[in-house]
Protein backbone atom coordinates (compact mmCIF):
# COMPACT_ATOMS: atom_id res chain seq x y z
CA UNK A 1 188.28 62.54 52.62
CA UNK A 2 189.67 63.97 49.36
CA UNK A 3 186.61 62.65 47.55
CA UNK A 4 184.29 64.53 49.93
CA UNK A 5 186.40 67.67 49.72
CA UNK A 6 186.24 67.61 45.93
CA UNK A 7 182.45 67.28 46.05
CA UNK A 8 181.83 70.02 48.62
CA UNK A 9 181.76 73.06 46.32
CA UNK A 10 179.76 71.40 43.51
CA UNK A 11 177.29 70.13 46.12
CA UNK A 12 176.80 73.63 47.56
CA UNK A 13 176.31 75.09 44.08
CA UNK A 14 173.84 72.35 43.19
CA UNK A 15 171.96 72.94 46.46
CA UNK A 16 171.67 76.68 45.75
CA UNK A 17 170.52 76.15 42.16
CA UNK A 18 167.95 73.50 43.14
CA UNK A 19 166.64 75.59 46.04
CA UNK A 20 166.20 78.61 43.80
CA UNK A 21 164.54 76.52 41.09
CA UNK A 22 162.10 74.97 43.56
CA UNK A 23 161.18 78.45 44.82
CA UNK A 24 160.37 79.55 41.27
CA UNK A 25 163.41 81.79 40.79
CA UNK A 26 164.52 82.02 37.14
CA UNK A 27 168.01 80.68 37.91
CA UNK A 28 169.78 81.33 34.62
CA UNK A 29 168.26 84.79 34.14
CA UNK A 30 169.25 85.73 37.69
CA UNK A 31 172.78 84.43 37.08
CA UNK A 32 173.09 86.52 33.90
CA UNK A 33 171.85 89.63 35.75
CA UNK A 34 174.43 89.08 38.48
CA UNK A 35 177.20 88.51 35.94
CA UNK A 36 176.31 91.81 34.20
CA UNK A 37 176.43 93.69 37.51
CA UNK A 38 179.73 92.03 38.43
CA UNK A 39 181.30 92.97 35.09
CA UNK A 40 180.03 96.54 35.44
CA UNK A 41 181.54 96.80 38.94
CA UNK A 42 184.85 95.35 37.74
CA UNK A 43 185.09 97.98 34.99
CA UNK A 44 184.18 100.77 37.42
CA UNK A 45 186.95 99.89 39.89
CA UNK A 46 189.61 99.15 37.24
CA UNK A 47 190.98 102.73 37.03
CA UNK A 48 191.26 102.91 40.83
CA UNK A 49 193.10 99.57 40.92
CA UNK A 50 195.53 100.65 38.19
CA UNK A 51 196.24 103.86 40.12
CA UNK A 52 196.92 102.01 43.36
CA UNK A 53 199.16 99.45 41.67
CA UNK A 54 201.12 102.21 39.96
CA UNK A 55 201.54 104.15 43.21
CA UNK A 56 202.71 101.08 45.15
CA UNK A 57 205.14 100.18 42.38
CA UNK A 58 206.58 103.69 42.43
CA UNK A 59 206.95 103.60 46.21
CA UNK A 60 208.73 100.24 46.05
CA UNK A 61 211.03 101.40 43.25
CA UNK A 62 211.83 104.69 44.98
CA UNK A 63 213.24 102.93 48.04
CA UNK A 64 210.88 104.79 50.39
CA UNK A 65 210.05 101.61 52.31
CA UNK A 66 213.78 100.95 52.85
CA UNK A 67 214.32 104.47 54.14
CA UNK A 68 211.32 104.21 56.48
CA UNK A 69 212.53 100.82 57.74
CA UNK A 70 215.93 102.24 58.64
CA UNK A 71 214.34 105.24 60.36
CA UNK A 72 211.91 103.33 62.58
CA UNK A 73 213.78 100.11 63.36
CA UNK A 74 215.48 101.66 66.42
CA UNK A 75 212.33 102.96 68.11
CA UNK A 76 210.41 99.77 67.28
CA UNK A 77 213.21 97.64 68.72
CA UNK A 78 212.65 99.44 72.02
CA UNK A 79 209.12 98.05 72.19
CA UNK A 80 210.17 94.56 71.11
CA UNK A 81 209.50 94.54 67.39
CA UNK A 82 212.30 92.83 65.44
CA UNK A 83 213.76 94.76 62.50
CA UNK A 84 213.06 91.83 60.18
CA UNK A 85 209.31 92.33 60.60
CA UNK A 86 209.27 96.06 59.79
CA UNK A 87 209.22 95.78 55.96
CA UNK A 88 206.11 93.58 56.15
CA UNK A 89 204.48 96.05 58.57
CA UNK A 90 205.11 98.90 56.15
CA UNK A 91 204.15 97.19 52.92
CA UNK A 92 201.26 94.89 53.95
CA UNK A 93 198.51 97.57 54.05
CA UNK A 94 199.50 98.80 50.59
CA UNK A 95 200.50 95.77 48.52
CA UNK A 96 199.54 92.17 49.04
CA UNK A 97 201.88 90.84 46.36
CA UNK A 98 204.90 92.81 47.62
CA UNK A 99 204.27 91.73 51.21
CA UNK A 100 203.80 88.12 50.11
CA UNK A 101 207.11 88.28 48.23
CA UNK A 102 208.90 89.62 51.32
CA UNK A 103 207.16 87.04 53.47
CA UNK A 104 208.32 84.20 51.21
CA UNK A 105 211.92 85.44 51.29
CA UNK A 106 211.91 85.73 55.07
CA UNK A 107 210.33 82.31 55.58
CA UNK A 108 213.07 80.79 53.43
CA UNK A 109 215.69 82.67 55.43
CA UNK A 110 214.40 82.17 59.00
CA UNK A 111 212.17 79.10 58.66
CA UNK A 112 208.45 78.70 59.26
CA UNK A 113 208.83 77.36 62.81
CA UNK A 114 210.98 80.22 64.12
CA UNK A 115 209.55 83.10 66.13
CA UNK A 116 209.89 85.35 63.08
CA UNK A 117 208.28 82.76 60.81
CA UNK A 118 205.29 82.29 63.10
CA UNK A 119 204.92 86.01 63.63
CA UNK A 120 205.13 86.84 59.94
CA UNK A 121 202.67 84.05 59.13
CA UNK A 122 200.23 85.43 61.68
CA UNK A 123 200.60 88.97 60.34
CA UNK A 124 200.08 87.91 56.72
CA UNK A 125 197.08 85.74 57.52
CA UNK A 126 195.36 88.19 59.85
CA UNK A 127 195.76 91.43 57.92
CA UNK A 128 194.55 92.78 54.63
CA UNK A 129 195.85 95.10 51.96
CA UNK A 130 193.85 98.11 53.11
CA UNK A 131 194.10 100.30 50.03
CA UNK A 132 193.21 97.45 47.68
CA UNK A 133 190.20 96.50 49.76
CA UNK A 134 189.01 100.10 50.04
CA UNK A 135 189.47 100.59 46.30
CA UNK A 136 187.32 97.55 45.58
CA UNK A 137 184.60 98.51 48.07
CA UNK A 138 184.46 102.22 47.32
CA UNK A 139 185.15 101.82 43.61
CA UNK A 140 181.87 99.94 43.25
CA UNK A 141 179.82 102.53 45.12
CA UNK A 142 179.11 106.22 44.64
CA UNK A 143 180.92 107.06 47.92
CA UNK A 144 183.74 109.54 47.25
CA UNK A 145 184.68 110.83 50.71
CA UNK A 146 186.80 107.99 52.11
CA UNK A 147 189.12 109.87 54.47
CA UNK A 148 187.73 108.41 57.70
CA UNK A 149 187.49 104.93 56.20
CA UNK A 150 191.15 105.00 55.16
CA UNK A 151 192.30 106.18 58.58
CA UNK A 152 190.13 103.67 60.44
CA UNK A 153 191.24 100.81 58.18
CA UNK A 154 194.94 101.67 58.57
CA UNK A 155 194.61 102.01 62.35
CA UNK A 156 192.81 98.69 62.67
CA UNK A 157 195.27 96.99 60.33
CA UNK A 158 198.27 98.16 62.34
CA UNK A 159 196.53 97.32 65.62
CA UNK A 160 195.96 93.80 64.32
CA UNK A 161 199.54 93.42 63.13
CA UNK A 162 200.97 94.66 66.43
CA UNK A 163 198.63 92.37 68.34
CA UNK A 164 199.85 89.45 66.19
CA UNK A 165 203.43 90.26 67.13
CA UNK A 166 202.70 90.30 70.84
CA UNK A 167 200.51 87.19 70.77
CA UNK A 168 203.28 85.29 68.99
CA UNK A 169 205.78 86.58 71.55
CA UNK A 170 203.59 85.29 74.40
CA UNK A 171 202.93 81.92 72.79
């Protein structure tokens, strides 16, 4: 099985290259064109990414997430959300690495098979860092008015995270 798994990606790449070649597509020239466009996009979104990373780092260092956690843990406990999950709920849409760090600490503390471990695993695997994703998507396009996209992405992200909590509670 490992042998087949190791061959899967090279086989797909070989299939794509051979299919393109047989259809008369200049494979290498097309690859170079795509690489140029990819590099151009990467350089266009770099300033946005640096800005987001700097803002998230400042928010983490300022202790804002800790203050927000202490403010909302009481009301969220009333609807069945454990206080241990709140930091992930706050940080996940803004920073994947910070939320992954918190997740790792909490898994070590509570265990992967506990209710909290399963819930946190479901949240991490079913949600995305919204601002990073929007920066990548909108940084590579001429779209500048992102206000509705940000709101819709945050609402859907939190809806997904809350759904994950309740599904894990049921199961």
